[in-house]
Amino acid sequence: MQTIARANRVFPGKHSGVIVDYANVFTSLEKALAIYGQGKGGASPVRDKQKLVDELCKAIDAATIYCANKGVTLAAIEQLPPR
């Protein structure tokens, strides 16, 4: 778990973390979560990745519409050159 947490820490100038799973850490993490990370009712806290992606897409669409209603065009902001 620490491997993933450390890779995903943010600090100035870091935009993302990349985890290269040479030792099959994710499988070990899933096993550990099955033993120690039981959620409510004994359910695993790990959620289906595609469902999370779908939820994220819906949230991005909602945010885009909200901003457009406020006169903010996100696509135009994305085209601005970096500072």
C-alpha atoms as a PDB file:
ATOM      1  CA  MET A   1       0.000   0.000   0.000  1.00  0.00           C
ATOM      2  CA  GLN A   2       2.881   2.354   0.751  1.00  0.00           C
ATOM      3  CA  THR A   3       4.265   1.879  -2.767  1.00  0.00           C
ATOM      4  CA  ILE A   4       1.068   3.178  -4.311  1.00  0.00           C
ATOM      5  CA  ALA A   5       0.567   5.939  -1.733  1.00  0.00           C
ATOM      6  CA  ARG A   6       4.096   7.273  -2.243  1.00  0.00           C
ATOM      7  CA  ALA A   7       3.827   7.280  -6.029  1.00  0.00           C
ATOM      8  CA  ASN A   8       0.614   9.270  -5.829  1.00  0.00           C
ATOM      9  CA  ARG A   9       1.809  11.977  -3.428  1.00  0.00           C
ATOM     10  CA  VAL A  10       1.690  15.443  -4.890  1.00  0.00           C
ATOM     11  CA  PHE A  11       4.224  18.219  -4.609  1.00  0.00           C
ATOM     12  CA  PRO A  12       5.021  21.330  -6.656  1.00  0.00           C
ATOM     13  CA  GLY A  13       5.997  20.452 -10.212  1.00  0.00           C
ATOM     14  CA  LYS A  14       4.670  16.883 -10.024  1.00  0.00           C
ATOM     15  CA  HIS A  15       1.555  16.300 -12.088  1.00  0.00           C
ATOM     16  CA  SER A  16       1.063  12.571 -11.719  1.00  0.00           C
ATOM     17  CA  GLY A  17       2.591   9.354 -10.463  1.00  0.00           C
ATOM     18  CA  VAL A  18       3.374   6.232 -12.434  1.00  0.00           C
ATOM     19  CA  ILE A  19       3.423   2.838 -10.784  1.00  0.00           C
ATOM     20  CA  VAL A  20       5.402   0.131 -12.570  1.00  0.00           C
ATOM     21  CA  ASP A  21       4.313  -3.138 -11.007  1.00  0.00           C
ATOM     22  CA  TYR A  22       7.413  -5.297 -11.446  1.00  0.00           C
ATOM     23  CA  ALA A  23       6.694  -7.444  -8.406  1.00  0.00           C
ATOM     24  CA  ASN A  24       2.925  -7.805  -8.895  1.00  0.00           C
ATOM     25  CA  VAL A  25       2.271  -5.382  -6.040  1.00  0.00           C
ATOM     26  CA  PHE A  26      -1.342  -4.822  -7.080  1.00  0.00           C
ATOM     27  CA  THR A  27      -2.214  -8.508  -6.647  1.00  0.00           C
ATOM     28  CA  SER A  28      -0.630  -8.457  -3.207  1.00  0.00           C
ATOM     29  CA  LEU A  29      -2.532  -5.274  -2.410  1.00  0.00           C
ATOM     30  CA  GLU A  30      -5.818  -6.899  -3.413  1.00  0.00           C
ATOM     31  CA  LYS A  31      -5.049  -9.876  -1.157  1.00  0.00           C
ATOM     32  CA  ALA A  32      -4.176  -7.559   1.737  1.00  0.00           C
ATOM     33  CA  LEU A  33      -7.353  -5.555   1.229  1.00  0.00           C
ATOM     34  CA  ALA A  34      -9.381  -8.767   1.203  1.00  0.00           C
ATOM     35  CA  ILE A  35      -7.948  -9.630   4.616  1.00  0.00           C
ATOM     36  CA  TYR A  36      -7.550  -6.246   6.310  1.00  0.00           C
ATOM     37  CA  GLY A  37      -9.592  -3.768   4.291  1.00  0.00           C
ATOM     38  CA  GLN A  38     -13.115  -5.061   4.629  1.00  0.00           C
ATOM     39  CA  GLY A  39     -15.654  -2.320   4.040  1.00  0.00           C
ATOM     40  CA  LYS A  40     -19.204  -2.163   5.317  1.00  0.00           C
ATOM     41  CA  GLY A  41     -20.813  -5.571   5.419  1.00  0.00           C
ATOM     42  CA  GLY A  42     -17.515  -7.288   4.577  1.00  0.00           C
ATOM     43  CA  ALA A  43     -17.418  -5.885   1.038  1.00  0.00           C
ATOM     44  CA  SER A  44     -14.087  -5.137  -0.612  1.00  0.00           C
ATOM     45  CA  PRO A  45     -13.304  -1.398  -0.833  1.00  0.00           C
ATOM     46  CA  VAL A  46     -11.813  -1.913  -4.329  1.00  0.00           C
ATOM     47  CA  ARG A  47     -14.238  -0.640  -6.973  1.00  0.00           C
ATOM     48  CA  ASP A  48     -14.528  -1.621 -10.617  1.00  0.00           C
ATOM     49  CA  LYS A  49     -12.230   0.601 -12.681  1.00  0.00           C
ATOM     50  CA  GLN A  50     -14.668   0.992 -15.603  1.00  0.00           C
ATOM     51  CA  LYS A  51     -17.418   2.169 -13.234  1.00  0.00           C
ATOM     52  CA  LEU A  52     -15.020   4.735 -11.776  1.00  0.00           C
ATOM     53  CA  VAL A  53     -14.068   5.918 -15.280  1.00  0.00           C
ATOM     54  CA  ASP A  54     -17.763   6.255 -16.165  1.00  0.00           C
ATOM     55  CA  GLU A  55     -18.420   8.270 -12.993  1.00  0.00           C
ATOM     56  CA  LEU A  56     -15.427  10.496 -13.755  1.00  0.00           C
ATOM     57  CA  CYS A  57     -16.674  11.143 -17.312  1.00  0.00           C
ATOM     58  CA  LYS A  58     -20.094  12.114 -15.952  1.00  0.00           C
ATOM     59  CA  ALA A  59     -18.489  14.455 -13.414  1.00  0.00           C
ATOM     60  CA  ILE A  60     -16.337  16.075 -16.128  1.00  0.00           C
ATOM     61  CA  ASP A  61     -19.416  16.561 -18.322  1.00  0.00           C
ATOM     62  CA  ALA A  62     -21.338  18.101 -15.414  1.00  0.00           C
ATOM     63  CA  ALA A  63     -18.419  20.420 -14.577  1.00  0.00           C
ATOM     64  CA  THR A  64     -18.079  21.453 -18.228  1.00  0.00           C
ATOM     65  CA  ILE A  65     -21.794  22.307 -18.430  1.00  0.00           C
ATOM     66  CA  TYR A  66     -21.656  24.177 -15.115  1.00  0.00           C
ATOM     67  CA  CYS A  67     -18.680  26.244 -16.264  1.00  0.00           C
ATOM     68  CA  ALA A  68     -20.303  26.945 -19.654  1.00  0.00           C
ATOM     69  CA  ASN A  69     -23.408  28.241 -17.859  1.00  0.00           C
ATOM     70  CA  LYS A  70     -21.114  30.627 -15.970  1.00  0.00           C
ATOM     71  CA  GLY A  71     -19.489  31.817 -19.206  1.00  0.00           C
ATOM     72  CA  VAL A  72     -16.305  29.805 -18.779  1.00  0.00           C
ATOM     73  CA  THR A  73     -15.180  27.667 -21.717  1.00  0.00           C
ATOM     74  CA  LEU A  74     -12.874  24.932 -20.455  1.00  0.00           C
ATOM     75  CA  ALA A  75     -11.713  23.971 -23.949  1.00  0.00           C
ATOM     76  CA  ALA A  76     -10.454  27.541 -24.462  1.00  0.00           C
ATOM     77  CA  ILE A  77      -8.576  27.416 -21.154  1.00  0.00           C
ATOM     78  CA  GLU A  78      -6.971  24.097 -22.120  1.00  0.00           C
ATOM     79  CA  GLN A  79      -5.630  25.708 -25.309  1.00  0.00           C
ATOM     80  CA  LEU A  80      -3.802  28.456 -23.409  1.00  0.00           C
ATOM     81  CA  PRO A  81      -0.014  28.137 -23.449  1.00  0.00           C
ATOM     82  CA  PRO A  82       1.626  26.971 -20.202  1.00  0.00           C
ATOM     83  CA  ARG A  83       3.064  29.637 -17.975  1.00  0.00           C
END
